[in-house]
Amino acid sequence: MKSLTPSTLSPPFGRYAHGVELPPGARIVRTSGQLALAADGSVPAGALDQARLCFANIAVILAEAGMGPDAVVHLSAWVTDRAHMAHYMAARDEFLAWVPADRLPASTLVIVSGFTRPEFLVEVEAMAAQR
């Protein structure tokens, strides 16, 4: 995978790339949107803890496929309020902390009016690829 961040564009707002090029023959994994639902059915109260749990759930799914955060090529995220953006971005940056700058994924963040249950503040899905 190769991150694409042309110098002729303004830099990304955080730890992500404007685009990603996948190598021929890459094996692709796509997660469903992960809400902050723990295995015991609990939901953390704040956006930061919810985003961290979303990424923890994604890490488990990727591990099942023999992949890690360095295989992520795109993240899509939704938050229910502009105030939750910084919390989501902090959790995303933690998740990608050890990923080299030339392997960062593309990323999309959207503000939505809500999810299936009112306590959910964040949802994240990932696409990963590996040779």
N, C-alpha and C. Protein backbone atom coordinates (compact mmCIF):
# COMPACT_ATOMS: atom_id res chain seq x y z
N MET A 1 0.84 -1.17 0.00
CA MET A 1 0.00 0.00 0.00
C MET A 1 0.89 1.24 0.00
N LYS A 2 0.42 2.26 -0.67
CA LYS A 2 1.17 3.50 -0.73
C LYS A 2 0.21 4.66 -0.47
N SER A 3 0.52 5.48 0.54
CA SER A 3 -0.28 6.67 0.80
C SER A 3 -0.03 7.70 -0.29
N LEU A 4 -1.09 8.40 -0.67
CA LEU A 4 -0.99 9.44 -1.70
C LEU A 4 -1.40 10.78 -1.08
N THR A 5 -0.43 11.64 -0.87
CA THR A 5 -0.69 12.97 -0.33
C THR A 5 0.10 13.96 -1.17
N PRO A 6 -0.43 14.35 -2.34
CA PRO A 6 0.29 15.25 -3.24
C PRO A 6 0.63 16.58 -2.56
N SER A 7 1.83 17.06 -2.83
CA SER A 7 2.28 18.32 -2.23
C SER A 7 1.52 19.52 -2.78
N THR A 8 0.78 19.33 -3.86
CA THR A 8 0.01 20.43 -4.45
C THR A 8 -1.35 20.61 -3.77
N LEU A 9 -1.69 19.73 -2.81
CA LEU A 9 -2.92 19.85 -2.02
C LEU A 9 -2.56 20.33 -0.62
N SER A 10 -3.51 20.94 0.06
CA SER A 10 -3.26 21.28 1.45
C SER A 10 -3.14 19.96 2.22
N PRO A 11 -2.32 19.93 3.28
CA PRO A 11 -2.12 18.68 4.00
C PRO A 11 -3.41 18.20 4.68
N PRO A 12 -3.53 16.91 4.94
CA PRO A 12 -4.69 16.38 5.66
C PRO A 12 -4.80 17.02 7.06
N PHE A 13 -6.00 16.99 7.62
CA PHE A 13 -6.25 17.55 8.95
C PHE A 13 -5.64 16.72 10.08
N GLY A 14 -5.24 15.50 9.81
CA GLY A 14 -4.73 14.62 10.87
C GLY A 14 -3.92 13.48 10.29
N ARG A 15 -3.85 12.36 11.04
CA ARG A 15 -3.07 11.19 10.64
C ARG A 15 -3.83 10.35 9.63
N TYR A 16 -3.89 10.85 8.41
CA TYR A 16 -4.47 10.11 7.30
C TYR A 16 -3.89 10.67 6.01
N ALA A 17 -4.13 9.98 4.92
CA ALA A 17 -3.65 10.40 3.60
C ALA A 17 -4.84 10.81 2.74
N HIS A 18 -4.58 11.61 1.71
CA HIS A 18 -5.66 11.98 0.79
C HIS A 18 -6.12 10.80 -0.04
N GLY A 19 -5.25 9.86 -0.32
CA GLY A 19 -5.60 8.69 -1.11
C GLY A 19 -4.65 7.54 -0.79
N VAL A 20 -4.99 6.37 -1.29
CA VAL A 20 -4.19 5.16 -1.07
C VAL A 20 -4.16 4.35 -2.35
N GLU A 21 -2.99 3.87 -2.72
CA GLU A 21 -2.82 2.98 -3.87
C GLU A 21 -2.58 1.57 -3.34
N LEU A 22 -3.39 0.62 -3.81
CA LEU A 22 -3.24 -0.78 -3.39
C LEU A 22 -2.40 -1.55 -4.40
N PRO A 23 -1.58 -2.48 -3.93
CA PRO A 23 -0.80 -3.27 -4.87
C PRO A 23 -1.69 -4.29 -5.59
N PRO A 24 -1.31 -4.69 -6.81
CA PRO A 24 -2.07 -5.72 -7.51
C PRO A 24 -2.14 -6.99 -6.68
N GLY A 25 -3.28 -7.63 -6.67
CA GLY A 25 -3.44 -8.90 -5.97
C GLY A 25 -3.63 -8.78 -4.48
N ALA A 26 -3.87 -7.58 -3.96
CA ALA A 26 -4.05 -7.41 -2.52
C ALA A 26 -5.31 -8.12 -2.05
N ARG A 27 -5.21 -8.73 -0.87
CA ARG A 27 -6.37 -9.34 -0.21
C ARG A 27 -7.07 -8.23 0.57
N ILE A 28 -8.38 -8.09 0.42
CA ILE A 28 -9.12 -6.97 1.01
C ILE A 28 -10.08 -7.47 2.09
N VAL A 29 -10.12 -6.73 3.20
CA VAL A 29 -11.07 -6.97 4.28
C VAL A 29 -11.85 -5.68 4.49
N ARG A 30 -13.16 -5.80 4.57
CA ARG A 30 -14.02 -4.64 4.81
C ARG A 30 -14.85 -4.93 6.05
N THR A 31 -14.81 -4.05 7.04
CA THR A 31 -15.62 -4.26 8.24
C THR A 31 -16.98 -3.59 8.07
N SER A 32 -17.92 -4.05 8.81
CA SER A 32 -19.17 -3.33 8.98
C SER A 32 -18.89 -2.14 9.87
N GLY A 33 -19.80 -1.19 9.89
CA GLY A 33 -19.65 -0.08 10.83
C GLY A 33 -19.68 -0.62 12.25
N GLN A 34 -18.70 -0.21 13.03
CA GLN A 34 -18.61 -0.66 14.41
C GLN A 34 -19.09 0.43 15.34
N LEU A 35 -20.11 0.11 16.10
CA LEU A 35 -20.59 1.01 17.14
C LEU A 35 -19.88 0.65 18.44
N ALA A 36 -19.96 1.50 19.41
CA ALA A 36 -19.25 1.29 20.68
C ALA A 36 -20.04 0.35 21.58
N LEU A 37 -20.14 -0.89 21.15
CA LEU A 37 -20.86 -1.90 21.90
C LEU A 37 -19.86 -2.95 22.36
N ALA A 38 -19.67 -3.03 23.67
CA ALA A 38 -18.74 -4.01 24.24
C ALA A 38 -19.35 -5.41 24.19
N ALA A 39 -18.52 -6.42 24.35
CA ALA A 39 -18.99 -7.82 24.30
C ALA A 39 -20.06 -8.09 25.35
N ASP A 40 -20.02 -7.37 26.48
CA ASP A 40 -21.03 -7.57 27.54
C ASP A 40 -22.29 -6.72 27.32
N GLY A 41 -22.36 -6.01 26.18
CA GLY A 41 -23.53 -5.21 25.86
C GLY A 41 -23.48 -3.79 26.38
N SER A 42 -22.43 -3.43 27.10
CA SER A 42 -22.35 -2.07 27.63
C SER A 42 -21.88 -1.09 26.56
N VAL A 43 -22.20 0.19 26.77
CA VAL A 43 -21.83 1.27 25.86
C VAL A 43 -21.15 2.35 26.70
N PRO A 44 -19.89 2.70 26.39
CA PRO A 44 -19.24 3.77 27.14
C PRO A 44 -20.01 5.09 26.99
N ALA A 45 -19.89 5.96 27.99
CA ALA A 45 -20.68 7.20 28.00
C ALA A 45 -20.14 8.27 27.06
N GLY A 46 -18.83 8.44 26.95
CA GLY A 46 -18.28 9.57 26.19
C GLY A 46 -17.81 9.20 24.79
N ALA A 47 -17.67 10.21 23.95
CA ALA A 47 -17.27 10.00 22.56
C ALA A 47 -15.86 9.42 22.45
N LEU A 48 -14.93 9.85 23.29
CA LEU A 48 -13.56 9.32 23.22
C LEU A 48 -13.55 7.83 23.52
N ASP A 49 -14.20 7.43 24.61
CA ASP A 49 -14.24 6.00 24.95
C ASP A 49 -15.01 5.20 23.92
N GLN A 50 -16.06 5.79 23.37
CA GLN A 50 -16.80 5.09 22.32
C GLN A 50 -15.92 4.90 21.08
N ALA A 51 -15.20 5.93 20.67
CA ALA A 51 -14.33 5.80 19.50
C ALA A 51 -13.23 4.78 19.75
N ARG A 52 -12.66 4.80 20.94
CA ARG A 52 -11.62 3.80 21.28
C ARG A 52 -12.18 2.39 21.17
N LEU A 53 -13.41 2.18 21.64
CA LEU A 53 -14.02 0.85 21.56
C LEU A 53 -14.31 0.47 20.11
N CYS A 54 -14.76 1.42 19.30
CA CYS A 54 -14.96 1.14 17.88
C CYS A 54 -13.66 0.65 17.25
N PHE A 55 -12.55 1.34 17.53
CA PHE A 55 -11.26 0.92 16.97
C PHE A 55 -10.79 -0.41 17.57
N ALA A 56 -11.08 -0.64 18.83
CA ALA A 56 -10.72 -1.94 19.43
C ALA A 56 -11.48 -3.06 18.73
N ASN A 57 -12.75 -2.84 18.45
CA ASN A 57 -13.55 -3.85 17.73
C ASN A 57 -12.98 -4.08 16.33
N ILE A 58 -12.60 -3.01 15.65
CA ILE A 58 -11.99 -3.14 14.32
C ILE A 58 -10.69 -3.92 14.41
N ALA A 59 -9.88 -3.66 15.43
CA ALA A 59 -8.62 -4.39 15.60
C ALA A 59 -8.86 -5.88 15.75
N VAL A 60 -9.91 -6.27 16.47
CA VAL A 60 -10.24 -7.69 16.65
C VAL A 60 -10.63 -8.31 15.31
N ILE A 61 -11.43 -7.61 14.53
CA ILE A 61 -11.85 -8.11 13.22
C ILE A 61 -10.64 -8.27 12.30
N LEU A 62 -9.77 -7.25 12.28
CA LEU A 62 -8.57 -7.33 11.44
C LEU A 62 -7.66 -8.47 11.88
N ALA A 63 -7.50 -8.66 13.18
CA ALA A 63 -6.67 -9.75 13.70
C ALA A 63 -7.20 -11.10 13.25
N GLU A 64 -8.51 -11.22 13.18
CA GLU A 64 -9.13 -12.47 12.71
C GLU A 64 -8.68 -12.80 11.29
N ALA A 65 -8.38 -11.75 10.51
CA ALA A 65 -7.91 -11.92 9.13
C ALA A 65 -6.38 -11.87 9.04
N GLY A 66 -5.70 -11.83 10.18
CA GLY A 66 -4.24 -11.77 10.18
C GLY A 66 -3.69 -10.41 9.80
N MET A 67 -4.46 -9.36 10.07
CA MET A 67 -4.05 -8.00 9.74
C MET A 67 -4.05 -7.13 10.99
N GLY A 68 -3.41 -5.96 10.86
CA GLY A 68 -3.39 -4.98 11.93
C GLY A 68 -3.69 -3.60 11.38
N PRO A 69 -3.56 -2.56 12.21
CA PRO A 69 -3.85 -1.20 11.78
C PRO A 69 -3.04 -0.75 10.56
N ASP A 70 -1.84 -1.31 10.38
CA ASP A 70 -1.02 -0.92 9.23
C ASP A 70 -1.59 -1.42 7.91
N ALA A 71 -2.58 -2.30 7.95
CA ALA A 71 -3.22 -2.80 6.73
C ALA A 71 -4.42 -1.95 6.33
N VAL A 72 -4.86 -1.04 7.21
CA VAL A 72 -6.04 -0.23 6.93
C VAL A 72 -5.74 0.75 5.80
N VAL A 73 -6.61 0.75 4.79
CA VAL A 73 -6.44 1.64 3.65
C VAL A 73 -7.49 2.75 3.63
N HIS A 74 -8.60 2.57 4.34
CA HIS A 74 -9.61 3.62 4.43
C HIS A 74 -10.41 3.46 5.72
N LEU A 75 -10.68 4.59 6.36
CA LEU A 75 -11.58 4.65 7.51
C LEU A 75 -12.73 5.58 7.17
N SER A 76 -13.93 5.14 7.50
CA SER A 76 -15.11 6.00 7.41
C SER A 76 -15.67 6.11 8.81
N ALA A 77 -16.00 7.31 9.22
CA ALA A 77 -16.53 7.51 10.58
C ALA A 77 -17.67 8.51 10.57
N TRP A 78 -18.55 8.32 11.53
CA TRP A 78 -19.70 9.19 11.71
C TRP A 78 -19.78 9.55 13.18
N VAL A 79 -20.02 10.81 13.47
CA VAL A 79 -20.23 11.27 14.85
C VAL A 79 -21.53 12.07 14.87
N THR A 80 -22.15 12.15 16.04
CA THR A 80 -23.46 12.80 16.15
C THR A 80 -23.39 14.29 16.47
N ASP A 81 -22.18 14.80 16.66
CA ASP A 81 -22.04 16.23 16.98
C ASP A 81 -20.63 16.68 16.63
N ARG A 82 -20.50 17.92 16.18
CA ARG A 82 -19.18 18.47 15.88
C ARG A 82 -18.25 18.38 17.09
N ALA A 83 -18.80 18.48 18.27
CA ALA A 83 -18.01 18.42 19.50
C ALA A 83 -17.31 17.07 19.66
N HIS A 84 -17.80 16.03 18.98
CA HIS A 84 -17.20 14.69 19.10
C HIS A 84 -16.06 14.46 18.12
N MET A 85 -15.87 15.39 17.18
CA MET A 85 -14.82 15.21 16.16
C MET A 85 -13.44 15.06 16.78
N ALA A 86 -13.08 15.92 17.71
CA ALA A 86 -11.74 15.87 18.32
C ALA A 86 -11.53 14.56 19.06
N HIS A 87 -12.56 14.06 19.72
CA HIS A 87 -12.44 12.77 20.43
C HIS A 87 -12.23 11.62 19.45
N TYR A 88 -13.01 11.64 18.37
CA TYR A 88 -12.83 10.61 17.34
C TYR A 88 -11.41 10.68 16.77
N MET A 89 -10.96 11.88 16.43
CA MET A 89 -9.64 12.03 15.82
C MET A 89 -8.53 11.59 16.77
N ALA A 90 -8.69 11.84 18.06
CA ALA A 90 -7.70 11.39 19.04
C ALA A 90 -7.64 9.86 19.08
N ALA A 91 -8.80 9.21 19.08
CA ALA A 91 -8.84 7.74 19.08
C ALA A 91 -8.27 7.18 17.78
N ARG A 92 -8.59 7.82 16.66
CA ARG A 92 -8.03 7.38 15.37
C ARG A 92 -6.51 7.49 15.39
N ASP A 93 -6.00 8.61 15.90
CA ASP A 93 -4.56 8.80 15.95
C ASP A 93 -3.89 7.78 16.87
N GLU A 94 -4.54 7.40 17.98
CA GLU A 94 -4.01 6.34 18.85
C GLU A 94 -3.96 5.02 18.09
N PHE A 95 -5.02 4.71 17.37
CA PHE A 95 -5.11 3.46 16.61
C PHE A 95 -4.02 3.38 15.55
N LEU A 96 -3.70 4.52 14.93
CA LEU A 96 -2.71 4.57 13.86
C LEU A 96 -1.32 5.02 14.34
N ALA A 97 -1.12 5.14 15.63
CA ALA A 97 0.10 5.75 16.17
C ALA A 97 1.39 5.14 15.64
N TRP A 98 1.44 3.85 15.49
CA TRP A 98 2.69 3.20 15.07
C TRP A 98 2.74 2.93 13.56
N VAL A 99 1.71 3.37 12.83
CA VAL A 99 1.70 3.19 11.38
C VAL A 99 2.59 4.28 10.76
N PRO A 100 3.56 3.91 9.93
CA PRO A 100 4.43 4.91 9.30
C PRO A 100 3.64 5.91 8.45
N ALA A 101 4.15 7.13 8.35
CA ALA A 101 3.46 8.19 7.63
C ALA A 101 3.19 7.83 6.16
N ASP A 102 4.06 7.03 5.56
CA ASP A 102 3.85 6.67 4.15
C ASP A 102 2.89 5.50 3.98
N ARG A 103 2.27 5.03 5.08
CA ARG A 103 1.29 3.94 5.02
C ARG A 103 -0.05 4.33 5.65
N LEU A 104 -0.26 5.63 5.86
CA LEU A 104 -1.51 6.07 6.49
C LEU A 104 -2.69 5.87 5.54
N PRO A 105 -3.86 5.53 6.09
CA PRO A 105 -5.04 5.32 5.26
C PRO A 105 -5.71 6.63 4.85
N ALA A 106 -6.59 6.52 3.88
CA ALA A 106 -7.50 7.61 3.56
C ALA A 106 -8.58 7.62 4.65
N SER A 107 -9.28 8.73 4.80
CA SER A 107 -10.23 8.85 5.90
C SER A 107 -11.37 9.79 5.55
N THR A 108 -12.57 9.45 6.02
CA THR A 108 -13.75 10.28 5.85
C THR A 108 -14.44 10.40 7.20
N LEU A 109 -14.86 11.62 7.56
CA LEU A 109 -15.58 11.85 8.82
C LEU A 109 -16.82 12.69 8.50
N VAL A 110 -17.98 12.22 8.96
CA VAL A 110 -19.25 12.87 8.67
C VAL A 110 -20.03 13.07 9.98
N ILE A 111 -20.73 14.18 10.07
CA ILE A 111 -21.60 14.43 11.22
C ILE A 111 -23.01 14.02 10.83
N VAL A 112 -23.63 13.20 11.67
CA VAL A 112 -24.98 12.67 11.39
C VAL A 112 -25.93 13.02 12.53
N SER A 113 -27.21 12.84 12.30
CA SER A 113 -28.19 13.18 13.33
C SER A 113 -28.33 12.11 14.41
N GLY A 114 -27.91 10.89 14.13
CA GLY A 114 -28.03 9.86 15.15
C GLY A 114 -27.86 8.47 14.57
N PHE A 115 -27.87 7.49 15.50
CA PHE A 115 -27.72 6.08 15.14
C PHE A 115 -28.93 5.30 15.64
N THR A 116 -28.87 3.99 15.59
CA THR A 116 -30.00 3.14 15.94
C THR A 116 -30.45 3.28 17.39
N ARG A 117 -29.52 3.62 18.28
CA ARG A 117 -29.85 3.86 19.69
C ARG A 117 -29.26 5.22 20.08
N PRO A 118 -29.96 5.98 20.90
CA PRO A 118 -29.53 7.35 21.20
C PRO A 118 -28.20 7.45 21.95
N GLU A 119 -27.78 6.40 22.65
CA GLU A 119 -26.52 6.46 23.41
C GLU A 119 -25.28 6.36 22.51
N PHE A 120 -25.44 5.89 21.28
CA PHE A 120 -24.30 5.80 20.37
C PHE A 120 -23.94 7.18 19.83
N LEU A 121 -22.66 7.53 19.92
CA LEU A 121 -22.16 8.84 19.48
C LEU A 121 -21.23 8.73 18.28
N VAL A 122 -20.64 7.54 18.08
CA VAL A 122 -19.59 7.34 17.08
C VAL A 122 -19.81 5.99 16.39
N GLU A 123 -19.55 5.93 15.10
CA GLU A 123 -19.49 4.67 14.36
C GLU A 123 -18.30 4.75 13.42
N VAL A 124 -17.57 3.63 13.29
CA VAL A 124 -16.37 3.59 12.45
C VAL A 124 -16.38 2.29 11.65
N GLU A 125 -16.02 2.38 10.36
CA GLU A 125 -15.80 1.18 9.57
C GLU A 125 -14.45 1.31 8.90
N ALA A 126 -13.89 0.16 8.54
CA ALA A 126 -12.54 0.15 7.95
C ALA A 126 -12.50 -0.75 6.74
N MET A 127 -11.60 -0.40 5.83
CA MET A 127 -11.23 -1.29 4.73
C MET A 127 -9.73 -1.49 4.86
N ALA A 128 -9.30 -2.74 4.81
CA ALA A 128 -7.89 -3.07 4.93
C ALA A 128 -7.48 -3.91 3.74
N ALA A 129 -6.19 -3.88 3.42
CA ALA A 129 -5.67 -4.68 2.29
C ALA A 129 -4.26 -5.11 2.62
N GLN A 130 -3.93 -6.31 2.15
CA GLN A 130 -2.61 -6.87 2.40
C GLN A 130 -2.27 -7.85 1.30
N ARG A 131 -1.01 -7.90 0.96
CA ARG A 131 -0.57 -8.88 -0.03
C ARG A 131 -0.36 -10.22 0.61
